[in-house]
Amino acid sequence: MSKKRRTRDKESQKKAKPRYTNYAHIFYKEEVAPLERAYKRALLGEQYKEAEDIFMKIREVKKKHRTILMRKQFVKIK
């Protein structure tokens, strides 16, 4: 006769630790960065009137970004 193997109960793994990021970084990625890219494209295309309008929008959005950055509000990702 062969020896019986002893089976142990498997321990359950801990759940993955939630990941957080600063909301200001998400805001910058979604709001400021596209405007900056549009501004650069307008300057390269020599569309100075349009570039001026975009620049004014960038200034206002960056003011909002600075206030959000001071809050240090974190949001869960994944």
C-alpha atoms as a PDB file:
ATOM      1  CA  MET A   1       0.000   0.000   0.000  1.00  0.00           C
ATOM      2  CA  SER A   2       1.110   3.548  -0.739  1.00  0.00           C
ATOM      3  CA  LYS A   3       1.131   6.455   1.688  1.00  0.00           C
ATOM      4  CA  LYS A   4      -1.812   8.755   1.617  1.00  0.00           C
ATOM      5  CA  ARG A   5      -0.953  12.328   0.751  1.00  0.00           C
ATOM      6  CA  ARG A   6      -2.076  14.951   3.133  1.00  0.00           C
ATOM      7  CA  THR A   7      -3.843  17.900   1.491  1.00  0.00           C
ATOM      8  CA  ARG A   8      -3.841  21.288   3.121  1.00  0.00           C
ATOM      9  CA  ASP A   9      -6.489  23.889   2.629  1.00  0.00           C
ATOM     10  CA  LYS A  10      -5.242  26.606   0.347  1.00  0.00           C
ATOM     11  CA  GLU A  11      -5.118  30.028   1.932  1.00  0.00           C
ATOM     12  CA  SER A  12      -7.040  32.659   0.068  1.00  0.00           C
ATOM     13  CA  GLN A  13      -4.948  35.404  -1.439  1.00  0.00           C
ATOM     14  CA  LYS A  14      -5.354  38.976  -0.357  1.00  0.00           C
ATOM     15  CA  LYS A  15      -7.186  41.203  -2.770  1.00  0.00           C
ATOM     16  CA  ALA A  16      -5.109  43.558  -4.886  1.00  0.00           C
ATOM     17  CA  LYS A  17      -4.329  46.831  -3.193  1.00  0.00           C
ATOM     18  CA  PRO A  18      -6.322  49.683  -4.785  1.00  0.00           C
ATOM     19  CA  ARG A  19      -4.285  52.185  -6.761  1.00  0.00           C
ATOM     20  CA  TYR A  20      -4.840  55.919  -6.482  1.00  0.00           C
ATOM     21  CA  THR A  21      -3.718  58.949  -8.466  1.00  0.00           C
ATOM     22  CA  ASN A  22      -4.059  62.665  -7.981  1.00  0.00           C
ATOM     23  CA  TYR A  23      -7.170  64.085  -9.671  1.00  0.00           C
ATOM     24  CA  ALA A  24      -5.119  67.064 -10.885  1.00  0.00           C
ATOM     25  CA  HIS A  25      -3.033  64.751 -13.083  1.00  0.00           C
ATOM     26  CA  ILE A  26      -6.144  63.329 -14.713  1.00  0.00           C
ATOM     27  CA  PHE A  27      -7.538  66.841 -15.205  1.00  0.00           C
ATOM     28  CA  TYR A  28      -4.291  67.942 -16.859  1.00  0.00           C
ATOM     29  CA  LYS A  29      -4.294  64.937 -19.186  1.00  0.00           C
ATOM     30  CA  GLU A  30      -7.918  65.424 -20.252  1.00  0.00           C
ATOM     31  CA  GLU A  31      -8.220  69.230 -20.326  1.00  0.00           C
ATOM     32  CA  VAL A  32      -4.878  71.059 -20.536  1.00  0.00           C
ATOM     33  CA  ALA A  33      -2.767  68.759 -22.710  1.00  0.00           C
ATOM     34  CA  PRO A  34      -5.185  68.661 -25.697  1.00  0.00           C
ATOM     35  CA  LEU A  35      -5.389  72.462 -25.689  1.00  0.00           C
ATOM     36  CA  GLU A  36      -1.603  72.745 -25.628  1.00  0.00           C
ATOM     37  CA  ARG A  37      -1.324  70.365 -28.586  1.00  0.00           C
ATOM     38  CA  ALA A  38      -3.931  72.379 -30.499  1.00  0.00           C
ATOM     39  CA  TYR A  39      -2.038  75.578 -29.675  1.00  0.00           C
ATOM     40  CA  LYS A  40       1.211  74.183 -31.079  1.00  0.00           C
ATOM     41  CA  ARG A  41      -0.571  72.987 -34.237  1.00  0.00           C
ATOM     42  CA  ALA A  42      -2.114  76.424 -34.739  1.00  0.00           C
ATOM     43  CA  LEU A  43       1.268  78.119 -34.395  1.00  0.00           C
ATOM     44  CA  LEU A  44       2.884  75.732 -36.860  1.00  0.00           C
ATOM     45  CA  GLY A  45       0.029  76.362 -39.296  1.00  0.00           C
ATOM     46  CA  GLU A  46       0.482  80.135 -38.830  1.00  0.00           C
ATOM     47  CA  GLN A  47      -3.125  80.548 -37.652  1.00  0.00           C
ATOM     48  CA  TYR A  48      -2.333  83.238 -35.146  1.00  0.00           C
ATOM     49  CA  LYS A  49      -5.894  84.390 -34.405  1.00  0.00           C
ATOM     50  CA  GLU A  50      -6.956  80.845 -33.556  1.00  0.00           C
ATOM     51  CA  ALA A  51      -3.761  80.340 -31.527  1.00  0.00           C
ATOM     52  CA  GLU A  52      -4.575  83.440 -29.479  1.00  0.00           C
ATOM     53  CA  ASP A  53      -8.057  82.111 -28.637  1.00  0.00           C
ATOM     54  CA  ILE A  54      -6.628  78.744 -27.634  1.00  0.00           C
ATOM     55  CA  PHE A  55      -3.965  80.435 -25.519  1.00  0.00           C
ATOM     56  CA  MET A  56      -6.624  82.315 -23.529  1.00  0.00           C
ATOM     57  CA  LYS A  57      -8.482  79.032 -22.926  1.00  0.00           C
ATOM     58  CA  ILE A  58      -5.232  77.435 -21.757  1.00  0.00           C
ATOM     59  CA  ARG A  59      -4.697  80.216 -19.211  1.00  0.00           C
ATOM     60  CA  GLU A  60      -8.162  79.746 -17.712  1.00  0.00           C
ATOM     61  CA  VAL A  61      -7.890  75.959 -17.597  1.00  0.00           C
ATOM     62  CA  LYS A  62      -4.443  76.146 -15.974  1.00  0.00           C
ATOM     63  CA  LYS A  63      -5.898  78.372 -13.228  1.00  0.00           C
ATOM     64  CA  LYS A  64      -8.448  75.638 -12.492  1.00  0.00           C
ATOM     65  CA  HIS A  65      -5.673  73.051 -12.572  1.00  0.00           C
ATOM     66  CA  ARG A  66      -3.659  74.958  -9.969  1.00  0.00           C
ATOM     67  CA  THR A  67      -6.609  75.089  -7.571  1.00  0.00           C
ATOM     68  CA  ILE A  68      -7.301  71.385  -8.063  1.00  0.00           C
ATOM     69  CA  LEU A  69      -3.617  70.624  -7.504  1.00  0.00           C
ATOM     70  CA  MET A  70      -3.711  72.317  -4.093  1.00  0.00           C
ATOM     71  CA  ARG A  71      -6.643  70.139  -2.965  1.00  0.00           C
ATOM     72  CA  LYS A  72      -4.621  66.929  -3.338  1.00  0.00           C
ATOM     73  CA  GLN A  73      -7.767  64.942  -4.071  1.00  0.00           C
ATOM     74  CA  PHE A  74      -7.049  61.299  -4.892  1.00  0.00           C
ATOM     75  CA  VAL A  75      -9.195  59.041  -7.062  1.00  0.00           C
ATOM     76  CA  LYS A  76      -9.086  55.282  -7.477  1.00  0.00           C
ATOM     77  CA  ILE A  77      -7.808  53.881 -10.759  1.00  0.00           C
ATOM     78  CA  LYS A  78      -8.416  50.315 -11.944  1.00  0.00           C
END
